[in-house]
Each structure stands twice: as structure tokens, then as C-alpha cells.
Amino acid sequence: MKRSTIGHVATALLRQIEALVRIDGQDREKTILIIEDVEAIDWASLTFVGQRHVLELRIEGEKDAVAAALARIETGLPELEVSIPGHFVAELRAEARPVADTEIIGLVRSLRVEALVLRD
């Protein structure tokens, strides 16, 4: 079953990604993270049950700030410890794609984050 609501698992993942990107919602000069879509797809194997979470995000801001945020994601995401009571993050990966580069809005990158989260 596929769900498109933001549950507690997706919220925990988003908070960790925001911390990694170092988002400051009060400072519009810094990089901002926009949630485009969130979905959770039920997943099971012979021994585990969980969900595959897909987060479609957009990062906008000044070119150097966006590049630094993407570098932090690239280096930090594989080592990210996401604490979700009753769950274990078995797999976590991200893919960034260019969207726009203009003088008016700066640099925009699309970021797709996939996480396989299993129940403990």
C-alpha cells in the first residue's frame, strides 16, 4: 500500500536531513528546503516488515550555500543516525538533480531521498 501523508517516520527523517543541511527557517538568505512530496510504500521480506519512504525535496538558495548543503548531504547521509522508536533505518540514499540556476532565485536542486525503514 502506498501512502502520501507525512507520518512520524518521515518527520524524523526530514528533521535529520534539515539538521544535516543546516536549515534556518528564519533566515531567508540561507538555504531553504522545500518538501515537494512524501510517500511511504509498505515493504516486507521473509524476516522483516517496514516501509520504503521516498522524500522529494527541493533545495534553494545562494549558489555556494546550496553546493555546501549538497556536499554535507553527500558526505553525511551515509553516516546519519536516525533515531525512530521501534524502527531501524536499514538503507538511506539521496540523489540530487539540477533544476535551475538563475540570478533571481539562485541555485535550485531537486533532492530525492529514499529510506528503507524496518520495524524492530
C-alpha atoms as a PDB file:
ATOM      1  CA  MET A   1       0.000   0.000   0.000  1.00  0.00           C
ATOM      2  CA  LYS A   2       1.255   3.493  -0.878  1.00  0.00           C
ATOM      3  CA  ARG A   3       0.654   6.460   1.429  1.00  0.00           C
ATOM      4  CA  SER A   4       1.271  10.163   0.731  1.00  0.00           C
ATOM      5  CA  THR A   5       0.972  11.597   4.232  1.00  0.00           C
ATOM      6  CA  ILE A   6       3.797  12.689   6.485  1.00  0.00           C
ATOM      7  CA  GLY A   7       3.916  10.265   9.403  1.00  0.00           C
ATOM      8  CA  HIS A   8       6.262  10.166  12.378  1.00  0.00           C
ATOM      9  CA  VAL A   9       8.932   8.210  10.458  1.00  0.00           C
ATOM     10  CA  ALA A  10       9.057  10.682   7.552  1.00  0.00           C
ATOM     11  CA  THR A  11       9.040  13.561  10.040  1.00  0.00           C
ATOM     12  CA  ALA A  12      12.060  12.091  11.856  1.00  0.00           C
ATOM     13  CA  LEU A  13      13.878  11.637   8.536  1.00  0.00           C
ATOM     14  CA  LEU A  14      13.106  15.225   7.499  1.00  0.00           C
ATOM     15  CA  ARG A  15      14.350  16.625  10.815  1.00  0.00           C
ATOM     16  CA  GLN A  16      17.653  14.798  10.437  1.00  0.00           C
ATOM     17  CA  ILE A  17      18.044  15.975   6.834  1.00  0.00           C
ATOM     18  CA  GLU A  18      17.257  19.565   7.897  1.00  0.00           C
ATOM     19  CA  ALA A  19      19.923  19.335  10.606  1.00  0.00           C
ATOM     20  CA  LEU A  20      22.408  17.956   8.081  1.00  0.00           C
ATOM     21  CA  VAL A  21      21.637  20.734   5.578  1.00  0.00           C
ATOM     22  CA  ARG A  22      21.624  23.279   8.448  1.00  0.00           C
ATOM     23  CA  ILE A  23      18.334  24.882   7.525  1.00  0.00           C
ATOM     24  CA  ASP A  24      17.420  28.141   9.232  1.00  0.00           C
ATOM     25  CA  GLY A  25      13.748  28.865   8.610  1.00  0.00           C
ATOM     26  CA  GLN A  26      14.110  32.427   9.939  1.00  0.00           C
ATOM     27  CA  ASP A  27      16.993  33.456   7.644  1.00  0.00           C
ATOM     28  CA  ARG A  28      15.794  33.717   4.033  1.00  0.00           C
ATOM     29  CA  GLU A  29      19.369  34.440   2.857  1.00  0.00           C
ATOM     30  CA  LYS A  30      20.396  30.904   3.729  1.00  0.00           C
ATOM     31  CA  THR A  31      19.492  27.671   2.001  1.00  0.00           C
ATOM     32  CA  ILE A  32      15.866  26.577   2.265  1.00  0.00           C
ATOM     33  CA  LEU A  33      14.469  23.059   1.987  1.00  0.00           C
ATOM     34  CA  ILE A  34      11.048  22.633   0.378  1.00  0.00           C
ATOM     35  CA  ILE A  35       9.031  19.416   0.667  1.00  0.00           C
ATOM     36  CA  GLU A  36       7.600  18.534  -2.746  1.00  0.00           C
ATOM     37  CA  ASP A  37       6.193  15.061  -1.990  1.00  0.00           C
ATOM     38  CA  VAL A  38       6.423  12.343   0.637  1.00  0.00           C
ATOM     39  CA  GLU A  39       5.289   8.782   0.227  1.00  0.00           C
ATOM     40  CA  ALA A  40       5.567   5.578   2.190  1.00  0.00           C
ATOM     41  CA  ILE A  41       5.313   2.224   0.446  1.00  0.00           C
ATOM     42  CA  ASP A  42       4.792  -0.934   2.505  1.00  0.00           C
ATOM     43  CA  TRP A  43       7.740  -3.326   2.252  1.00  0.00           C
ATOM     44  CA  ALA A  44       8.306  -6.869   3.534  1.00  0.00           C
ATOM     45  CA  SER A  45      10.754  -9.736   3.205  1.00  0.00           C
ATOM     46  CA  LEU A  46      10.640 -13.195   4.769  1.00  0.00           C
ATOM     47  CA  THR A  47      12.048 -11.837   8.023  1.00  0.00           C
ATOM     48  CA  PHE A  48      11.382  -8.078   8.098  1.00  0.00           C
ATOM     49  CA  VAL A  49       8.450  -5.686   7.733  1.00  0.00           C
ATOM     50  CA  GLY A  50       8.691  -1.984   7.117  1.00  0.00           C
ATOM     51  CA  GLN A  51       8.242   0.791   4.610  1.00  0.00           C
ATOM     52  CA  ARG A  52      10.245   2.447   1.860  1.00  0.00           C
ATOM     53  CA  HIS A  53       9.981   6.201   2.345  1.00  0.00           C
ATOM     54  CA  VAL A  54      10.537   8.487  -0.640  1.00  0.00           C
ATOM     55  CA  LEU A  55      11.028  12.180   0.053  1.00  0.00           C
ATOM     56  CA  GLU A  56      11.036  14.539  -2.927  1.00  0.00           C
ATOM     57  CA  LEU A  57      12.673  17.759  -1.778  1.00  0.00           C
ATOM     58  CA  ARG A  58      13.956  20.962  -3.309  1.00  0.00           C
ATOM     59  CA  ILE A  59      16.913  22.982  -2.045  1.00  0.00           C
ATOM     60  CA  GLU A  60      17.052  26.654  -2.963  1.00  0.00           C
ATOM     61  CA  GLY A  61      19.452  29.441  -2.141  1.00  0.00           C
ATOM     62  CA  GLU A  62      22.658  31.175  -2.972  1.00  0.00           C
ATOM     63  CA  LYS A  63      24.934  29.016  -5.148  1.00  0.00           C
ATOM     64  CA  ASP A  64      27.685  28.448  -2.583  1.00  0.00           C
ATOM     65  CA  ALA A  65      25.168  27.690   0.192  1.00  0.00           C
ATOM     66  CA  VAL A  66      23.307  25.112  -1.927  1.00  0.00           C
ATOM     67  CA  ALA A  67      26.578  23.499  -3.042  1.00  0.00           C
ATOM     68  CA  ALA A  68      27.733  23.279   0.599  1.00  0.00           C
ATOM     69  CA  ALA A  69      24.379  21.795   1.677  1.00  0.00           C
ATOM     70  CA  LEU A  70      24.579  19.143  -1.057  1.00  0.00           C
ATOM     71  CA  ALA A  71      28.170  18.326  -0.061  1.00  0.00           C
ATOM     72  CA  ARG A  72      27.048  17.855   3.569  1.00  0.00           C
ATOM     73  CA  ILE A  73      24.264  15.534   2.380  1.00  0.00           C
ATOM     74  CA  GLU A  74      26.634  13.550   0.166  1.00  0.00           C
ATOM     75  CA  THR A  75      29.163  13.007   2.961  1.00  0.00           C
ATOM     76  CA  GLY A  76      26.807  12.910   5.954  1.00  0.00           C
ATOM     77  CA  LEU A  77      23.821  10.924   4.749  1.00  0.00           C
ATOM     78  CA  PRO A  78      25.525   7.506   4.658  1.00  0.00           C
ATOM     79  CA  GLU A  79      26.630   8.018   8.284  1.00  0.00           C
ATOM     80  CA  LEU A  80      23.391   9.603   9.503  1.00  0.00           C
ATOM     81  CA  GLU A  81      21.963   8.068  12.665  1.00  0.00           C
ATOM     82  CA  VAL A  82      18.190   8.458  12.574  1.00  0.00           C
ATOM     83  CA  SER A  83      16.553   7.608  15.876  1.00  0.00           C
ATOM     84  CA  ILE A  84      12.974   6.415  15.422  1.00  0.00           C
ATOM     85  CA  PRO A  85      11.498   4.475  18.349  1.00  0.00           C
ATOM     86  CA  GLY A  86      10.502   0.965  17.273  1.00  0.00           C
ATOM     87  CA  HIS A  87      12.201   1.298  13.881  1.00  0.00           C
ATOM     88  CA  PHE A  88      15.578   0.771  12.234  1.00  0.00           C
ATOM     89  CA  VAL A  89      16.810   2.648   9.144  1.00  0.00           C
ATOM     90  CA  ALA A  90      18.281  -0.149   7.033  1.00  0.00           C
ATOM     91  CA  GLU A  91      19.093   1.889   3.932  1.00  0.00           C
ATOM     92  CA  LEU A  92      19.350   5.596   3.240  1.00  0.00           C
ATOM     93  CA  ARG A  93      20.372   7.264  -0.018  1.00  0.00           C
ATOM     94  CA  ALA A  94      19.920  10.527  -1.871  1.00  0.00           C
ATOM     95  CA  GLU A  95      20.130  11.717  -5.446  1.00  0.00           C
ATOM     96  CA  ALA A  96      20.408  15.400  -6.359  1.00  0.00           C
ATOM     97  CA  ARG A  97      19.376  16.748  -9.753  1.00  0.00           C
ATOM     98  CA  PRO A  98      19.760  20.269 -11.153  1.00  0.00           C
ATOM     99  CA  VAL A  99      16.568  22.260 -11.597  1.00  0.00           C
ATOM    100  CA  ALA A 100      17.527  25.915 -12.155  1.00  0.00           C
ATOM    101  CA  ASP A 101      20.388  28.349 -11.849  1.00  0.00           C
ATOM    102  CA  THR A 102      19.264  31.960 -12.191  1.00  0.00           C
ATOM    103  CA  GLU A 103      20.340  35.313 -10.838  1.00  0.00           C
ATOM    104  CA  ILE A 104      16.871  35.932  -9.387  1.00  0.00           C
ATOM    105  CA  ILE A 105      16.389  32.783  -7.277  1.00  0.00           C
ATOM    106  CA  GLY A 106      19.936  31.448  -7.181  1.00  0.00           C
ATOM    107  CA  LEU A 107      20.625  27.752  -7.370  1.00  0.00           C
ATOM    108  CA  VAL A 108      17.839  25.165  -7.147  1.00  0.00           C
ATOM    109  CA  ARG A 109      18.406  21.430  -6.832  1.00  0.00           C
ATOM    110  CA  SER A 110      15.908  18.627  -6.622  1.00  0.00           C
ATOM    111  CA  LEU A 111      16.750  16.039  -3.971  1.00  0.00           C
ATOM    112  CA  ARG A 112      15.219  12.574  -3.815  1.00  0.00           C
ATOM    113  CA  VAL A 113      15.840  10.753  -0.537  1.00  0.00           C
ATOM    114  CA  GLU A 114      14.914   7.091  -0.175  1.00  0.00           C
ATOM    115  CA  ALA A 115      14.946   5.279   3.142  1.00  0.00           C
ATOM    116  CA  LEU A 116      14.101   1.684   3.923  1.00  0.00           C
ATOM    117  CA  VAL A 117      12.797   1.713   7.475  1.00  0.00           C
ATOM    118  CA  LEU A 118      12.157  -1.622   9.210  1.00  0.00           C
ATOM    119  CA  ARG A 119      10.174  -2.295  12.354  1.00  0.00           C
ATOM    120  CA  ASP A 120      12.246  -3.518  15.313  1.00  0.00           C
END
